[in-house]
Amino acid sequence: MSFSRIEKIHFVLNPNAGNGSPLKIFPEIEEELISKNVKYTVFKSQGKNDIFNHVISDEMPECDVICALGGDGTIHEAADGLMRSGKACDLAFSVIPSGTGNAFAQTLGELKPKKAIQKILQGERLKIDAMEIRQGPKVSYAVNIIGWGMASRVNQISDQLRILGGIRYNIASLIGIATMKKKKLILRMNDEVIKEDALFFLALNTVYTGKGMKMAPDADFSDGLIDIIMFKSATKLQVVNIFLKLFSGKHIFDSRVTYKQVESFSIESEGDDLNIDGENQGFTPIDVRVIKKCITLIK
């Protein structure tokens, strides 16, 4: 860990995240910046992939750090852009939580926007991992989660419930359980090959997902490992019981839950939807590996 003074921040802001939260909180962020004599610029997205396209472009202004102001989808676009453009080698990254889920920020340990910018201005740097995802010729990066099966289906349902705010994740989970169906999973982890029907698979770089779900209690941004949560077979009542344990992290002790840490994995099933960092995008098959300490995070 190291520290360095922050003199100029470039914000990438999603005005639609968290029911408009980024625009509501930005005045108090500005107040902190002005009081500390920190220069700043702002890019506001107008639609999906705007932030990603901005980050990879030559239009990015010079700055010490790029700061994602939004939810986990905003963080994904910014981090993916930094990695794919090669800018992650030179440009530090930071996050101010203002979405509905804020799983990445919760893992960092700060959910209050004003305190988050105060910590960022202290300039504490941490090298974190990312997950490299290969889908045929396409290569992209995730810093939070990769979900399959119910982990993808629940995210699709929650997208339709955005008006409900953070509770939409819990409601979507219950709807997902009520309508759950097994799917054929062909999975490779280390030397193990799994070929059978399964309900849920989630790969994580963070402890939390959704709204306060402590999905991978042992996850660490910088340990060089991907945390895997999976359950293959369970009744709806058993899945409800597992769901209720997610907020404490005690689900990992359930005999139906598999919890492992790996450096790479592959899903070879074809044509299944994916949830990548909270965004419904991409399909299997995929090959995933951890890229160790490739992003400099100001926390």
Protein backbone atom coordinates (compact mmCIF):
# COMPACT_ATOMS: atom_id res chain seq x y z
CA MET A 1 0.00 0.00 0.00
CA SER A 2 1.19 3.53 -0.80
CA PHE A 3 -0.07 7.12 -0.61
CA SER A 4 0.17 10.02 -3.05
CA ARG A 5 -1.46 13.45 -3.31
CA ILE A 6 -4.45 13.72 -5.65
CA GLU A 7 -4.39 16.95 -7.66
CA LYS A 8 -6.93 16.26 -10.43
CA ILE A 9 -9.84 13.79 -10.66
CA HIS A 10 -11.86 12.88 -13.73
CA PHE A 11 -15.37 11.69 -12.84
CA VAL A 12 -17.34 9.33 -15.06
CA LEU A 13 -20.90 9.75 -13.89
CA ASN A 14 -24.03 7.76 -14.70
CA PRO A 15 -26.97 10.14 -14.04
CA ASN A 16 -29.46 7.26 -14.16
CA ALA A 17 -27.80 5.10 -11.51
CA GLY A 18 -29.57 4.70 -8.18
CA ASN A 19 -32.68 6.58 -9.40
CA GLY A 20 -30.62 9.70 -10.10
CA SER A 21 -28.43 9.51 -6.99
CA PRO A 22 -25.12 10.62 -8.65
CA LEU A 23 -26.52 14.03 -9.62
CA LYS A 24 -28.07 14.49 -6.18
CA ILE A 25 -24.86 13.81 -4.27
CA PHE A 26 -22.40 15.54 -6.59
CA PRO A 27 -22.73 19.00 -4.93
CA GLU A 28 -21.34 17.61 -1.65
CA ILE A 29 -18.53 15.93 -3.61
CA GLU A 30 -17.77 19.28 -5.28
CA GLU A 31 -17.70 20.96 -1.89
CA GLU A 32 -14.96 18.60 -0.69
CA LEU A 33 -12.94 19.07 -3.88
CA ILE A 34 -13.11 22.86 -3.71
CA SER A 35 -12.17 22.90 -0.01
CA LYS A 36 -9.09 20.77 -0.77
CA ASN A 37 -8.20 22.75 -3.93
CA VAL A 38 -8.49 19.63 -6.12
CA LYS A 39 -9.20 20.16 -9.81
CA TYR A 40 -11.82 18.00 -11.49
CA THR A 41 -13.59 17.26 -14.76
CA VAL A 42 -16.84 15.37 -15.32
CA PHE A 43 -18.16 13.09 -18.06
CA LYS A 44 -21.88 12.24 -17.90
CA SER A 45 -23.08 9.15 -19.74
CA GLN A 46 -26.22 9.25 -21.85
CA GLY A 47 -26.63 5.51 -22.37
CA LYS A 48 -25.19 2.03 -22.12
CA ASN A 49 -21.45 1.73 -22.92
CA ASP A 50 -20.95 5.52 -23.01
CA ILE A 51 -18.53 5.37 -20.09
CA PHE A 52 -16.64 2.42 -21.54
CA ASN A 53 -16.30 4.19 -24.92
CA HIS A 54 -15.21 7.41 -23.22
CA VAL A 55 -12.55 5.68 -21.12
CA ILE A 56 -10.96 3.89 -24.10
CA SER A 57 -11.05 7.05 -26.27
CA ASP A 58 -8.42 9.75 -26.73
CA GLU A 59 -10.86 12.31 -25.29
CA MET A 60 -10.07 11.43 -21.69
CA PRO A 61 -8.56 14.50 -19.99
CA GLU A 62 -5.30 14.29 -18.08
CA CYS A 63 -5.85 13.37 -14.44
CA ASP A 64 -4.35 11.53 -11.48
CA VAL A 65 -7.35 9.28 -11.02
CA ILE A 66 -10.58 8.34 -12.76
CA CYS A 67 -13.55 8.07 -10.39
CA ALA A 68 -16.71 6.07 -11.16
CA LEU A 69 -19.81 7.76 -9.77
CA GLY A 70 -22.69 5.32 -10.04
CA GLY A 71 -23.48 1.69 -9.35
CA ASP A 72 -21.73 -1.58 -10.09
CA GLY A 73 -22.54 -1.30 -13.81
CA THR A 74 -20.80 2.08 -13.96
CA ILE A 75 -17.79 0.64 -12.17
CA HIS A 76 -17.72 -2.25 -14.65
CA GLU A 77 -17.70 0.01 -17.72
CA ALA A 78 -14.90 2.18 -16.29
CA ALA A 79 -12.71 -0.72 -15.10
CA ASP A 80 -13.27 -2.74 -18.29
CA GLY A 81 -12.34 0.34 -20.33
CA LEU A 82 -9.17 0.90 -18.32
CA MET A 83 -8.10 -2.71 -18.79
CA ARG A 84 -8.96 -3.06 -22.48
CA SER A 85 -7.32 0.25 -23.41
CA GLY A 86 -4.16 -0.45 -21.41
CA LYS A 87 -4.70 2.73 -19.36
CA ALA A 88 -4.89 0.71 -16.13
CA CYS A 89 -1.08 0.59 -16.24
CA ASP A 90 -0.80 4.35 -15.66
CA LEU A 91 -4.13 5.66 -14.39
CA ALA A 92 -5.51 5.00 -10.91
CA PHE A 93 -9.17 4.12 -10.33
CA SER A 94 -11.63 5.03 -7.58
CA VAL A 95 -15.29 4.62 -6.71
CA ILE A 96 -17.98 6.75 -5.05
CA PRO A 97 -21.06 4.61 -4.29
CA SER A 98 -24.29 5.98 -5.75
CA GLY A 99 -26.10 3.01 -7.26
CA THR A 100 -28.72 0.67 -5.84
CA GLY A 101 -26.51 -2.34 -5.08
CA ASN A 102 -23.02 -0.91 -4.48
CA ALA A 103 -21.50 -4.34 -3.88
CA PHE A 104 -18.01 -3.24 -4.96
CA ALA A 105 -18.08 -0.23 -2.62
CA GLN A 106 -19.44 -2.31 0.25
CA THR A 107 -16.49 -4.68 -0.11
CA LEU A 108 -14.21 -1.63 0.05
CA GLY A 109 -15.92 -0.73 3.31
CA GLU A 110 -17.38 2.71 2.60
CA LEU A 111 -20.96 3.34 1.43
CA LYS A 112 -21.26 7.05 2.30
CA PRO A 113 -20.35 9.24 -0.71
CA LYS A 114 -18.89 12.14 1.28
CA LYS A 115 -16.65 9.86 3.34
CA ALA A 116 -15.67 8.02 0.16
CA ILE A 117 -14.34 11.19 -1.52
CA GLN A 118 -12.54 12.18 1.69
CA LYS A 119 -10.77 8.81 1.71
CA ILE A 120 -9.95 9.06 -2.00
CA LEU A 121 -8.32 12.47 -1.46
CA GLN A 122 -6.02 10.89 1.13
CA GLY A 123 -4.55 8.96 -1.80
CA GLU A 124 -4.18 5.46 -0.31
CA ARG A 125 -3.37 3.08 -3.18
CA LEU A 126 -4.08 -0.64 -3.39
CA LYS A 127 -3.34 -3.02 -6.27
CA ILE A 128 -6.38 -5.20 -7.01
CA ASP A 129 -7.13 -8.16 -9.28
CA ALA A 130 -9.50 -8.42 -12.24
CA MET A 131 -11.08 -11.38 -14.00
CA GLU A 132 -10.20 -11.72 -17.69
CA ILE A 133 -13.13 -13.16 -19.67
CA ARG A 134 -12.62 -14.74 -23.09
CA GLN A 135 -15.77 -15.27 -25.15
CA GLY A 136 -14.52 -16.52 -28.49
CA PRO A 137 -12.38 -13.70 -29.95
CA LYS A 138 -13.72 -11.13 -27.46
CA VAL A 139 -11.74 -10.32 -24.30
CA SER A 140 -13.29 -8.26 -21.50
CA TYR A 141 -12.75 -7.77 -17.76
CA ALA A 142 -14.83 -7.96 -14.59
CA VAL A 143 -13.94 -6.67 -11.13
CA ASN A 144 -16.99 -7.88 -9.23
CA ILE A 145 -18.88 -10.99 -10.41
CA ILE A 146 -19.63 -13.43 -13.22
CA GLY A 147 -22.96 -15.23 -12.83
CA TRP A 148 -24.62 -18.19 -14.56
CA GLY A 149 -27.97 -19.94 -14.12
CA MET A 150 -30.07 -18.37 -11.35
CA ALA A 151 -27.32 -15.79 -10.80
CA SER A 152 -28.02 -14.53 -14.32
CA ARG A 153 -31.79 -15.01 -14.27
CA VAL A 154 -32.23 -13.10 -10.99
CA ASN A 155 -30.28 -10.17 -12.43
CA GLN A 156 -32.55 -10.11 -15.49
CA ILE A 157 -35.60 -9.98 -13.22
CA SER A 158 -34.09 -7.25 -11.00
CA ASP A 159 -33.48 -5.07 -14.05
CA GLN A 160 -37.23 -4.99 -14.60
CA LEU A 161 -37.76 -3.85 -11.00
CA ARG A 162 -35.36 -0.87 -10.91
CA ILE A 163 -38.11 1.48 -9.73
CA LEU A 164 -38.09 -0.41 -6.40
CA GLY A 165 -34.49 0.55 -5.56
CA GLY A 166 -32.18 -1.75 -3.61
CA ILE A 167 -34.90 -4.11 -2.41
CA ARG A 168 -35.38 -5.22 -6.03
CA TYR A 169 -32.49 -7.68 -5.63
CA ASN A 170 -34.25 -9.50 -2.80
CA ILE A 171 -37.61 -9.56 -4.59
CA ALA A 172 -35.93 -10.76 -7.81
CA SER A 173 -34.21 -13.53 -5.84
CA LEU A 174 -37.51 -14.77 -4.46
CA ILE A 175 -39.12 -14.67 -7.94
CA GLY A 176 -36.08 -16.52 -9.28
CA ILE A 177 -36.47 -19.22 -6.63
CA ALA A 178 -40.19 -19.59 -7.37
CA THR A 179 -39.47 -20.13 -11.08
CA MET A 180 -36.09 -21.86 -10.83
CA LYS A 181 -35.05 -24.56 -13.28
CA LYS A 182 -31.87 -26.60 -13.50
CA LYS A 183 -29.60 -26.16 -16.52
CA LYS A 184 -26.85 -28.32 -17.95
CA LEU A 185 -23.50 -27.05 -16.64
CA ILE A 186 -20.15 -28.08 -18.07
CA LEU A 187 -17.55 -26.50 -15.80
CA ARG A 188 -13.78 -26.82 -15.48
CA MET A 189 -12.05 -25.62 -12.31
CA ASN A 190 -8.38 -26.45 -11.84
CA ASP A 191 -8.24 -30.20 -12.62
CA GLU A 192 -11.92 -30.81 -11.85
CA VAL A 193 -14.60 -31.22 -14.54
CA ILE A 194 -18.29 -30.96 -13.63
CA LYS A 195 -20.90 -32.14 -16.13
CA GLU A 196 -24.37 -32.16 -14.62
CA ASP A 197 -27.57 -30.16 -14.09
CA ALA A 198 -27.11 -27.22 -11.74
CA LEU A 199 -29.02 -24.23 -10.40
CA PHE A 200 -26.54 -21.50 -9.55
CA PHE A 201 -22.94 -20.52 -10.28
CA LEU A 202 -21.21 -17.30 -9.28
CA ALA A 203 -17.56 -16.28 -9.56
CA LEU A 204 -16.55 -13.32 -7.39
CA ASN A 205 -13.69 -10.89 -6.87
CA THR A 206 -15.68 -9.16 -4.10
CA VAL A 207 -17.27 -10.25 -0.83
CA TYR A 208 -20.67 -8.76 -1.61
CA THR A 209 -23.17 -8.91 -4.45
CA GLY A 210 -26.71 -7.61 -4.94
CA LYS A 211 -27.81 -5.51 -1.98
CA GLY A 212 -25.82 -6.57 1.06
CA MET A 213 -25.52 -10.26 0.17
CA LYS A 214 -22.28 -11.55 1.73
CA MET A 215 -21.83 -14.09 -1.04
CA ALA A 216 -18.09 -14.81 -0.76
CA PRO A 217 -17.00 -14.10 2.84
CA ASP A 218 -13.35 -15.01 2.18
CA ALA A 219 -12.96 -12.99 -1.03
CA ASP A 220 -10.12 -10.47 -1.27
CA PHE A 221 -9.53 -7.97 -4.07
CA SER A 222 -5.81 -8.70 -4.03
CA ASP A 223 -5.36 -12.40 -3.21
CA GLY A 224 -4.92 -13.58 -6.82
CA LEU A 225 -7.93 -15.90 -6.49
CA ILE A 226 -11.48 -16.10 -7.83
CA ASP A 227 -14.09 -17.19 -5.28
CA ILE A 228 -16.64 -19.70 -6.62
CA ILE A 229 -20.11 -20.25 -5.13
CA MET A 230 -22.24 -22.99 -6.64
CA PHE A 231 -25.15 -25.22 -5.82
CA LYS A 232 -26.22 -28.02 -8.08
CA SER A 233 -29.38 -29.46 -6.59
CA ALA A 234 -31.87 -28.27 -3.98
CA THR A 235 -35.62 -27.92 -3.45
CA LYS A 236 -37.22 -24.46 -3.51
CA LEU A 237 -37.55 -24.52 0.28
CA GLN A 238 -33.88 -25.43 0.64
CA VAL A 239 -32.89 -22.60 -1.72
CA VAL A 240 -34.99 -20.15 0.34
CA ASN A 241 -33.07 -21.32 3.42
CA ILE A 242 -29.76 -20.75 1.62
CA PHE A 243 -30.94 -17.30 0.48
CA LEU A 244 -31.74 -16.25 4.06
CA LYS A 245 -28.16 -17.08 5.07
CA LEU A 246 -26.58 -14.98 2.30
CA PHE A 247 -26.64 -11.75 4.33
CA SER A 248 -24.51 -13.25 7.12
CA GLY A 249 -22.27 -15.36 4.87
CA LYS A 250 -23.33 -18.54 6.71
CA HIS A 251 -24.63 -20.14 3.49
CA ILE A 252 -21.11 -21.42 2.79
CA PHE A 253 -21.56 -23.95 5.61
CA ASP A 254 -24.65 -25.46 3.96
CA SER A 255 -23.89 -28.95 2.63
CA ARG A 256 -25.57 -28.12 -0.70
CA VAL A 257 -23.26 -25.13 -1.35
CA THR A 258 -19.83 -25.51 -2.96
CA TYR A 259 -17.33 -22.75 -2.08
CA LYS A 260 -13.91 -22.83 -3.72
CA GLN A 261 -11.08 -20.47 -4.64
CA VAL A 262 -9.42 -20.90 -8.03
CA GLU A 263 -7.13 -19.02 -10.40
CA SER A 264 -9.15 -19.90 -13.51
CA PHE A 265 -12.27 -21.68 -14.72
CA SER A 266 -14.20 -22.39 -17.92
CA ILE A 267 -17.89 -22.83 -18.59
CA GLU A 268 -18.24 -24.93 -21.73
CA SER A 269 -22.06 -25.09 -21.90
CA GLU A 270 -23.19 -23.17 -25.00
CA GLY A 271 -25.58 -20.23 -25.33
CA ASP A 272 -26.31 -19.57 -21.64
CA ASP A 273 -26.88 -15.97 -20.48
CA LEU A 274 -24.32 -14.34 -18.20
CA ASN A 275 -24.38 -11.67 -15.50
CA ILE A 276 -21.09 -9.77 -15.66
CA ASP A 277 -20.60 -7.22 -12.88
CA GLY A 278 -24.35 -6.79 -12.58
CA GLU A 279 -24.87 -6.32 -16.31
CA ASN A 280 -26.81 -8.81 -18.45
CA GLN A 281 -24.30 -9.36 -21.21
CA GLY A 282 -22.52 -12.16 -23.01
CA PHE A 283 -23.06 -15.87 -23.38
CA THR A 284 -21.21 -19.08 -22.66
CA PRO A 285 -18.82 -20.68 -23.41
CA ILE A 286 -16.26 -18.58 -21.53
CA ASP A 287 -12.70 -18.99 -20.27
CA VAL A 288 -11.85 -16.92 -17.20
CA ARG A 289 -8.58 -16.31 -15.38
CA VAL A 290 -7.48 -13.90 -12.70
CA ILE A 291 -5.12 -11.07 -13.65
CA LYS A 292 -3.27 -10.30 -10.45
CA LYS A 293 -2.93 -6.75 -9.07
CA CYS A 294 -3.55 -5.14 -12.45
CA ILE A 295 -5.62 -2.13 -11.32
CA THR A 296 -4.45 0.60 -8.95
CA LEU A 297 -7.38 1.45 -6.69
CA ILE A 298 -7.53 4.64 -4.62
CA LYS A 299 -9.49 3.63 -1.54
